[in-house]
Amino acid sequence: MTSVGIEAINFYSGLAYLNVKELAEYRKLDTTRFENLLMEEKTVVLPYEDPITYGVNAAKPIVDALSEDERNRIEMVITCTESGIDFGKSISTYIHHYLGLNRNCRLFELKNACYSGTAGFQMAINFILSGSSKGAKALVIATDITRFMAVDGGEALTADWSFAEPSSGAGAAAILVSEKPYVFQIDAGANGYYGFEVMDTCRPIPDSEAGNSDLSLLSYLDCCEQSFLEYQKRVEGVSYKDTFDYLAYHTPFGGMVKGAHRSMMRKLLRYSPAEIEKDFKERVMPGMKYCQRVGNVMGATIFLSLLGIIDCGDFPTPKRIGCFSYGSGCCSEFYSGVVTEEGQRIQRKYAIEQQLDSRYKLSMDLYNSLLRQSDLVKFGTRNAKLDFEVIPGLFNVDRKEKLLYLDQINEFHREYVWI
């Protein structure tokens, strides 16, 4: 069988972040419940950032590292998002354009809540495995943003879903899939998927979210168990403990992952609380390192967890990683792959932690000011001109690379600039 998997992967986490403990204190949230989120920071999307800028900025370092011949073998660009900007036009067209890719390329978009990234990834894998275009590559862009539509309630702003606000982030993962799985070699055919209709969370209108957080947790737990059991049926001799050196979970917030892992270890292995805690720290926490600093980025979150493991794990010998992906509504999948020491070395050149450290820290006053402007580029905006001085002096920071930003919307068409 053809080797297939991730040739290169990068994550872009935006320009600005907020300390979520400061946010919780400002909103006067229950600190006991807040601690269960296991969150530290969240990326905050600025008015001139959108799913397209995030996706292009994540993918550009990957594309720039390819030769011209290699770039021309990218024959599929799949965008995976629940933050689309148009009911018809795919944001893959914008991303393809600003990356300067070959026009002999399939361009399309997938939507399935937080499962979308895995859906696009698995589609890309099967395109490569089909052998229909030997040597071809596929570029998968999982990109999502959260813009809270805040209401001025006096001195403080209020937003729906008070505990969703600290955990909702923004960002994009760019994944180059090919026959050269330098970073993550997929276990082809080792997949367990599980889905059913449930109204746990949704976006009933383009710029707002709704749902039932308790139902979402129960659905997540059910899918985690059932997708793994299906994987176990299809792959002989699988153990949740012994087969996987690390586990990457879709991470809406850390507390949900910890609860899911505890449930799995109790049901499948009858582990004691102390044994579960030790296993969680060893096999799961590396995958939460970046997620705790970015927040839930929907379809990209499973890949951010995988990146944390690849960057922070220990790989003196090849190690297998089990991946659980969940998307509300719902669909889920458990799959796996192998990472080597060389793959880790290749991946670390993208310096994800350094990128996170370079973000601008927002004050609560500035964050609230940004919330008041959050409808400037909401879904369906016809015309707008963006102000790059919304944070004065931010673009005076010395950066090695140019990044893409939204400049204006002209009769619904989005126009971008490199800065």
Protein backbone atom coordinates (compact mmCIF):
# COMPACT_ATOMS: atom_id res chain seq x y z
CA MET A 1 0.00 0.00 0.00
CA THR A 2 1.19 3.55 -0.76
CA SER A 3 2.60 5.42 2.24
CA VAL A 4 0.47 8.46 2.93
CA GLY A 5 0.18 11.15 5.56
CA ILE A 6 1.37 14.59 6.52
CA GLU A 7 4.35 15.87 4.58
CA ALA A 8 4.22 19.24 6.39
CA ILE A 9 1.89 20.93 8.85
CA ASN A 10 1.79 24.45 10.29
CA PHE A 11 -0.51 26.42 12.55
CA TYR A 12 -1.15 30.16 12.52
CA SER A 13 -2.46 31.66 15.74
CA GLY A 14 -3.09 35.30 14.82
CA LEU A 15 -1.71 38.56 16.18
CA ALA A 16 -3.43 39.02 19.55
CA TYR A 17 -4.46 37.09 22.63
CA LEU A 18 -6.27 37.55 25.92
CA ASN A 19 -5.47 36.07 29.32
CA VAL A 20 -8.61 34.05 30.06
CA LYS A 21 -8.22 34.21 33.83
CA GLU A 22 -8.40 38.00 33.59
CA LEU A 23 -11.47 37.64 31.38
CA ALA A 24 -13.15 35.30 33.87
CA GLU A 25 -12.50 37.70 36.74
CA TYR A 26 -13.78 40.65 34.71
CA ARG A 27 -16.96 38.77 33.75
CA LYS A 28 -17.35 37.62 37.39
CA LEU A 29 -17.56 33.98 36.37
CA ASP A 30 -17.64 31.19 38.93
CA THR A 31 -13.91 30.61 39.50
CA THR A 32 -14.47 26.99 40.56
CA ARG A 33 -16.10 26.18 37.22
CA PHE A 34 -13.54 28.26 35.35
CA GLU A 35 -10.63 26.22 36.73
CA ASN A 36 -12.20 23.13 35.12
CA LEU A 37 -11.68 24.66 31.69
CA LEU A 38 -7.89 24.17 32.00
CA MET A 39 -7.40 27.24 29.80
CA GLU A 40 -4.68 29.90 29.97
CA GLU A 41 -5.03 32.17 26.90
CA LYS A 42 -7.22 32.60 23.84
CA THR A 43 -6.44 34.03 20.44
CA VAL A 44 -8.65 37.03 19.66
CA VAL A 45 -9.39 37.77 16.02
CA LEU A 46 -8.78 41.37 14.96
CA PRO A 47 -11.12 43.19 12.51
CA TYR A 48 -8.67 42.80 9.60
CA GLU A 49 -8.18 39.07 10.25
CA ASP A 50 -10.60 36.45 8.92
CA PRO A 51 -10.63 32.73 7.99
CA ILE A 52 -8.84 33.53 4.74
CA THR A 53 -5.94 35.45 6.31
CA TYR A 54 -5.53 32.75 8.95
CA GLY A 55 -5.52 30.00 6.33
CA VAL A 56 -3.07 31.73 3.98
CA ASN A 57 -0.71 32.69 6.80
CA ALA A 58 -0.68 29.08 8.04
CA ALA A 59 -0.03 27.63 4.58
CA LYS A 60 2.45 30.11 3.14
CA PRO A 61 5.57 28.82 4.96
CA ILE A 62 4.75 25.30 3.74
CA VAL A 63 4.20 26.37 0.15
CA ASP A 64 7.27 28.64 0.11
CA ALA A 65 9.46 25.69 1.17
CA LEU A 66 8.44 23.67 -1.92
CA SER A 67 10.16 23.76 -5.29
CA GLU A 68 8.14 25.03 -8.26
CA ASP A 69 7.61 21.49 -9.48
CA GLU A 70 6.40 20.40 -6.04
CA ARG A 71 4.02 23.37 -5.73
CA ASN A 72 2.56 22.47 -9.12
CA ARG A 73 1.68 18.99 -7.81
CA ILE A 74 -0.79 20.45 -5.32
CA GLU A 75 -3.92 19.32 -7.15
CA MET A 76 -6.50 19.80 -4.43
CA VAL A 77 -7.16 22.61 -1.93
CA ILE A 78 -9.82 21.77 0.64
CA THR A 79 -10.97 24.40 3.12
CA CYS A 80 -12.64 23.07 6.25
CA THR A 81 -14.59 25.64 8.26
CA GLU A 82 -17.78 26.66 10.00
CA SER A 83 -16.74 30.31 9.53
CA GLY A 84 -17.42 30.62 5.80
CA ILE A 85 -17.96 34.09 4.34
CA ASP A 86 -20.45 33.23 1.59
CA PHE A 87 -23.21 30.67 1.05
CA GLY A 88 -21.84 29.83 -2.39
CA LYS A 89 -18.26 30.97 -2.90
CA SER A 90 -15.66 28.78 -1.21
CA ILE A 91 -12.84 30.49 0.67
CA SER A 92 -10.53 27.91 -0.94
CA THR A 93 -10.57 30.14 -4.04
CA TYR A 94 -9.12 33.10 -2.12
CA ILE A 95 -6.53 30.89 -0.40
CA HIS A 96 -5.51 29.26 -3.67
CA HIS A 97 -5.12 32.72 -5.26
CA TYR A 98 -3.02 34.33 -2.54
CA LEU A 99 -0.75 31.29 -2.32
CA GLY A 100 -0.15 31.51 -6.09
CA LEU A 101 -0.95 27.85 -6.77
CA ASN A 102 -1.37 26.07 -10.10
CA ARG A 103 -4.81 26.57 -11.63
CA ASN A 104 -5.09 22.87 -12.49
CA CYS A 105 -6.43 22.26 -9.02
CA ARG A 106 -9.69 21.19 -7.35
CA LEU A 107 -10.99 23.91 -4.99
CA PHE A 108 -13.83 23.28 -2.56
CA GLU A 109 -15.03 23.70 1.00
CA LEU A 110 -16.36 21.35 3.68
CA LYS A 111 -18.61 22.11 6.63
CA ASN A 112 -19.31 19.75 9.51
CA ALA A 113 -18.71 21.71 12.71
CA CYS A 114 -15.44 20.73 14.41
CA TYR A 115 -15.21 17.47 12.45
CA SER A 116 -14.63 19.38 9.20
CA GLY A 117 -10.82 19.33 9.49
CA THR A 118 -10.73 15.56 9.85
CA ALA A 119 -13.26 15.17 7.02
CA GLY A 120 -10.98 17.17 4.69
CA PHE A 121 -7.89 15.34 5.92
CA GLN A 122 -9.40 11.91 5.31
CA MET A 123 -10.65 13.00 1.87
CA ALA A 124 -7.12 14.12 1.00
CA ILE A 125 -5.65 10.84 2.25
CA ASN A 126 -8.02 8.82 0.11
CA PHE A 127 -7.27 10.98 -2.94
CA ILE A 128 -3.57 10.15 -2.53
CA LEU A 129 -4.26 6.46 -1.83
CA SER A 130 -6.45 6.20 -4.94
CA GLY A 131 -3.35 6.63 -7.13
CA SER A 132 -5.44 8.49 -9.69
CA SER A 133 -2.70 11.11 -9.99
CA LYS A 134 0.61 9.59 -8.93
CA GLY A 135 2.82 12.01 -6.99
CA ALA A 136 0.03 14.56 -6.40
CA LYS A 137 -0.35 16.51 -3.16
CA ALA A 138 -3.42 17.90 -1.40
CA LEU A 139 -3.49 21.00 0.79
CA VAL A 140 -6.04 20.92 3.61
CA ILE A 141 -6.81 24.20 5.40
CA ALA A 142 -8.82 23.94 8.61
CA THR A 143 -9.59 27.55 9.58
CA ASP A 144 -12.08 29.02 12.01
CA ILE A 145 -12.68 32.18 13.99
CA THR A 146 -15.01 33.15 16.80
CA ARG A 147 -16.39 36.66 16.86
CA PHE A 148 -18.64 37.32 19.83
CA MET A 149 -21.46 39.71 19.00
CA ALA A 150 -21.37 41.62 22.27
CA VAL A 151 -24.13 43.78 23.70
CA ASP A 152 -23.26 46.91 25.64
CA GLY A 153 -24.71 46.40 29.11
CA GLY A 154 -23.24 49.42 30.83
CA GLU A 155 -19.68 49.32 32.09
CA ALA A 156 -19.10 45.77 30.97
CA LEU A 157 -20.03 43.92 27.83
CA THR A 158 -22.03 40.73 27.97
CA ALA A 159 -21.96 37.85 25.53
CA ASP A 160 -23.96 34.68 25.06
CA TRP A 161 -22.50 31.49 26.50
CA SER A 162 -20.41 33.06 29.27
CA PHE A 163 -18.20 29.98 29.65
CA ALA A 164 -17.81 29.58 25.90
CA GLU A 165 -16.25 33.03 25.64
CA PRO A 166 -13.02 32.12 27.50
CA SER A 167 -12.55 28.90 25.54
CA SER A 168 -13.40 30.06 22.00
CA GLY A 169 -10.37 30.99 19.92
CA ALA A 170 -9.24 31.53 16.35
CA GLY A 171 -6.60 30.01 14.10
CA ALA A 172 -5.82 27.77 11.16
CA ALA A 173 -3.96 24.55 10.49
CA ALA A 174 -2.46 23.96 7.05
CA ILE A 175 -1.76 20.30 6.27
CA LEU A 176 0.10 19.11 3.18
CA VAL A 177 -0.91 15.52 2.45
CA SER A 178 1.18 13.37 0.11
CA GLU A 179 3.00 10.10 -0.49
CA LYS A 180 5.87 11.54 1.58
CA PRO A 181 4.59 11.39 5.19
CA TYR A 182 7.70 12.92 6.73
CA VAL A 183 5.85 14.23 9.80
CA PHE A 184 2.90 11.86 10.39
CA GLN A 185 2.43 8.56 8.57
CA ILE A 186 -1.23 7.61 8.68
CA ASP A 187 -2.31 4.06 9.54
CA ALA A 188 -4.26 3.65 6.30
CA GLY A 189 -7.57 1.85 6.81
CA ALA A 190 -7.40 2.13 10.61
CA ASN A 191 -10.48 4.28 11.17
CA GLY A 192 -13.48 4.10 13.45
CA TYR A 193 -16.27 6.56 12.71
CA TYR A 194 -19.54 7.22 14.48
CA GLY A 195 -22.27 9.82 14.00
CA PHE A 196 -25.93 10.63 14.62
CA GLU A 197 -28.31 13.61 14.69
CA VAL A 198 -28.12 15.70 17.85
CA MET A 199 -28.71 19.41 18.50
CA ASP A 200 -25.83 19.96 20.90
CA THR A 201 -24.24 23.08 19.36
CA CYS A 202 -24.98 24.93 16.14
CA ARG A 203 -24.67 28.23 14.26
CA PRO A 204 -28.31 28.94 13.36
CA ILE A 205 -27.32 32.34 11.98
CA PRO A 206 -23.89 33.17 10.51
CA ASP A 207 -22.48 35.26 13.36
CA SER A 208 -23.85 33.56 16.45
CA GLU A 209 -23.67 30.20 18.17
CA ALA A 210 -26.24 28.34 20.24
CA GLY A 211 -26.56 25.00 21.94
CA ASN A 212 -26.77 22.89 25.03
CA SER A 213 -23.42 22.49 26.79
CA ASP A 214 -24.49 19.46 28.87
CA LEU A 215 -25.82 17.64 25.81
CA SER A 216 -22.62 18.50 23.95
CA LEU A 217 -20.50 16.91 26.69
CA LEU A 218 -22.61 13.73 26.68
CA SER A 219 -22.45 13.51 22.90
CA TYR A 220 -18.66 13.99 22.95
CA LEU A 221 -18.23 11.22 25.54
CA ASP A 222 -20.50 8.84 23.62
CA CYS A 223 -18.65 9.47 20.35
CA CYS A 224 -15.24 9.09 21.96
CA GLU A 225 -16.13 5.62 23.20
CA GLN A 226 -18.06 4.41 20.16
CA SER A 227 -15.60 5.63 17.53
CA PHE A 228 -12.75 3.89 19.35
CA LEU A 229 -14.75 0.66 19.72
CA GLU A 230 -15.36 0.72 15.96
CA TYR A 231 -11.62 1.29 15.38
CA GLN A 232 -10.93 -1.66 17.69
CA LYS A 233 -13.25 -3.88 15.63
CA ARG A 234 -11.38 -3.04 12.44
CA VAL A 235 -7.82 -3.28 13.76
CA GLU A 236 -6.77 -6.52 15.41
CA GLY A 237 -5.21 -6.52 18.88
CA VAL A 238 -5.78 -2.87 19.75
CA SER A 239 -5.52 -1.64 23.34
CA TYR A 240 -6.43 1.92 24.36
CA LYS A 241 -3.45 1.93 26.69
CA ASP A 242 -0.75 -0.13 24.97
CA THR A 243 -1.29 0.61 21.26
CA PHE A 244 -0.96 4.39 21.49
CA ASP A 245 2.05 6.17 22.98
CA TYR A 246 0.11 9.47 22.87
CA LEU A 247 -3.50 10.54 22.38
CA ALA A 248 -4.61 13.68 20.54
CA TYR A 249 -8.16 14.74 21.35
CA HIS A 250 -10.36 17.40 19.82
CA THR A 251 -10.06 20.02 22.58
CA PRO A 252 -12.99 22.44 23.00
CA PHE A 253 -11.39 23.04 26.41
CA GLY A 254 -9.04 20.97 28.52
CA GLY A 255 -11.60 19.93 31.10
CA MET A 256 -13.71 18.13 28.49
CA VAL A 257 -10.69 16.17 27.32
CA LYS A 258 -9.73 15.23 30.87
CA GLY A 259 -13.27 14.02 31.54
CA ALA A 260 -13.35 11.98 28.34
CA HIS A 261 -9.98 10.38 29.02
CA ARG A 262 -11.04 9.52 32.57
CA SER A 263 -14.24 7.93 31.27
CA MET A 264 -12.38 5.86 28.67
CA MET A 265 -9.75 4.61 31.12
CA ARG A 266 -12.42 3.63 33.65
CA LYS A 267 -14.67 1.83 31.19
CA LEU A 268 -12.06 0.10 29.08
CA LEU A 269 -9.29 -0.60 31.59
CA ARG A 270 -10.77 -0.17 35.10
CA TYR A 271 -7.91 2.15 36.09
CA SER A 272 -7.84 3.83 39.49
CA PRO A 273 -8.02 7.65 39.77
CA ALA A 274 -4.27 7.85 40.49
CA GLU A 275 -3.42 5.67 37.49
CA ILE A 276 -5.68 7.75 35.25
CA GLU A 277 -4.09 11.01 36.38
CA LYS A 278 -0.60 9.68 35.68
CA ASP A 279 -1.60 8.40 32.25
CA PHE A 280 -3.32 11.72 31.43
CA LYS A 281 -0.15 13.68 32.19
CA GLU A 282 2.05 11.34 30.17
CA ARG A 283 -0.05 10.62 27.07
CA VAL A 284 -2.57 13.48 26.79
CA MET A 285 -1.11 16.67 28.28
CA PRO A 286 1.51 17.18 25.53
CA GLY A 287 -1.41 17.53 23.10
CA MET A 288 -3.01 20.23 25.25
CA LYS A 289 0.07 22.47 25.45
CA TYR A 290 -0.90 24.69 22.50
CA CYS A 291 -4.66 24.25 22.83
CA GLN A 292 -4.54 25.82 26.30
CA ARG A 293 -3.05 28.97 24.76
CA VAL A 294 -5.28 29.30 21.69
CA GLY A 295 -8.75 28.07 22.59
CA ASN A 296 -11.15 26.01 20.54
CA VAL A 297 -10.51 26.54 16.82
CA MET A 298 -13.14 24.05 15.70
CA GLY A 299 -11.92 22.00 12.72
CA ALA A 300 -8.26 22.87 13.35
CA THR A 301 -8.21 21.88 17.02
CA ILE A 302 -7.42 18.19 16.55
CA PHE A 303 -4.39 19.19 14.48
CA LEU A 304 -3.28 21.72 17.10
CA SER A 305 -3.39 18.87 19.63
CA LEU A 306 -1.41 16.65 17.26
CA LEU A 307 1.16 19.44 16.79
CA GLY A 308 1.59 19.75 20.55
CA ILE A 309 2.41 16.06 20.77
CA ILE A 310 4.79 16.11 17.81
CA ASP A 311 6.66 19.15 19.16
CA CYS A 312 6.69 18.20 22.85
CA GLY A 313 6.62 14.41 22.84
CA ASP A 314 9.55 12.02 23.19
CA PHE A 315 10.40 10.13 19.98
CA PRO A 316 13.70 8.22 20.32
CA THR A 317 11.86 5.44 18.48
CA PRO A 318 8.75 5.73 16.25
CA LYS A 319 5.61 6.31 18.32
CA ARG A 320 1.95 5.78 17.44
CA ILE A 321 -0.56 8.55 18.16
CA GLY A 322 -4.29 7.91 18.47
CA CYS A 323 -6.49 10.80 17.30
CA PHE A 324 -10.08 11.48 18.31
CA SER A 325 -12.00 14.05 16.27
CA TYR A 326 -15.51 15.26 17.14
CA GLY A 327 -17.89 17.69 15.50
CA SER A 328 -21.25 18.74 16.92
CA GLY A 329 -24.39 17.68 15.23
CA CYS A 330 -22.64 15.13 15.08
CA CYS A 331 -19.85 13.09 13.53
CA SER A 332 -16.69 11.66 15.05
CA GLU A 333 -13.69 9.57 14.07
CA PHE A 334 -10.83 7.75 15.75
CA TYR A 335 -7.72 7.22 13.63
CA SER A 336 -3.98 6.91 14.13
CA GLY A 337 -0.51 7.40 12.71
CA VAL A 338 3.18 7.23 13.48
CA VAL A 339 5.70 9.97 14.28
CA THR A 340 9.47 9.56 14.21
CA GLU A 341 12.36 11.55 15.69
CA GLU A 342 13.14 12.88 12.21
CA GLY A 343 9.52 13.93 11.76
CA GLN A 344 9.70 15.88 15.01
CA ARG A 345 12.89 17.60 13.89
CA ILE A 346 11.27 18.61 10.59
CA GLN A 347 8.15 19.88 12.33
CA ARG A 348 9.90 21.99 14.95
CA LYS A 349 11.21 24.40 12.30
CA TYR A 350 7.75 26.03 12.25
CA ALA A 351 8.31 27.19 15.86
CA ILE A 352 4.67 27.19 16.99
CA GLU A 353 5.48 28.11 20.59
CA GLN A 354 7.61 31.05 19.47
CA GLN A 355 4.70 32.22 17.31
CA LEU A 356 2.34 32.05 20.30
CA ASP A 357 4.81 34.00 22.43
CA SER A 358 4.98 36.78 19.82
CA ARG A 359 1.26 37.65 19.97
CA TYR A 360 0.11 41.00 21.36
CA LYS A 361 -1.50 40.82 24.83
CA LEU A 362 -4.84 42.62 24.92
CA SER A 363 -6.10 44.55 27.93
CA MET A 364 -9.75 44.09 28.89
CA ASP A 365 -10.52 47.64 27.77
CA LEU A 366 -9.04 47.01 24.32
CA TYR A 367 -10.76 43.62 24.10
CA ASN A 368 -14.13 45.23 24.88
CA SER A 369 -13.43 47.89 22.27
CA LEU A 370 -12.79 45.16 19.70
CA LEU A 371 -16.06 43.47 20.65
CA ARG A 372 -17.93 46.69 19.92
CA GLN A 373 -16.46 46.61 16.40
CA SER A 374 -17.18 42.91 15.86
CA ASP A 375 -20.04 43.55 13.43
CA LEU A 376 -17.84 45.58 11.04
CA VAL A 377 -17.10 42.55 8.86
CA LYS A 378 -19.91 40.22 9.81
CA PHE A 379 -21.35 37.72 7.34
CA GLY A 380 -22.84 39.42 4.28
CA THR A 381 -20.90 42.69 4.61
CA ARG A 382 -21.10 44.49 1.27
CA ASN A 383 -18.54 47.29 1.70
CA ALA A 384 -15.99 48.05 4.42
CA LYS A 385 -12.54 49.58 4.84
CA LEU A 386 -10.41 48.17 7.63
CA ASP A 387 -8.42 50.29 10.07
CA PHE A 388 -4.94 48.85 10.64
CA GLU A 389 -4.40 51.22 13.57
CA VAL A 390 -7.13 49.70 15.72
CA ILE A 391 -4.16 48.66 17.88
CA PRO A 392 -1.75 51.58 17.37
CA GLY A 393 1.78 50.58 16.39
CA LEU A 394 1.10 46.84 16.13
CA PHE A 395 2.54 46.70 12.61
CA ASN A 396 5.74 48.45 13.70
CA VAL A 397 6.88 45.17 15.25
CA ASP A 398 9.84 43.76 13.31
CA ARG A 399 8.70 40.52 11.66
CA LYS A 400 10.70 38.24 9.39
CA GLU A 401 7.81 37.38 7.08
CA LYS A 402 4.97 39.24 5.42
CA LEU A 403 1.48 38.29 6.54
CA LEU A 404 -1.84 38.65 4.75
CA TYR A 405 -4.60 40.92 6.12
CA LEU A 406 -8.04 42.01 4.98
CA ASP A 407 -7.82 45.52 3.52
CA GLN A 408 -11.37 46.15 2.35
CA ILE A 409 -14.62 44.62 1.12
CA ASN A 410 -15.76 46.04 -2.20
CA GLU A 411 -19.23 44.95 -3.35
CA PHE A 412 -18.88 41.73 -1.30
CA HIS A 413 -15.45 40.94 -2.81
CA ARG A 414 -12.71 40.72 -0.19
CA GLU A 415 -9.41 42.39 -1.02
CA TYR A 416 -6.23 41.64 0.92
CA VAL A 417 -2.77 43.11 1.36
CA TRP A 418 0.60 41.72 2.45
CA ILE A 419 2.20 43.61 5.35
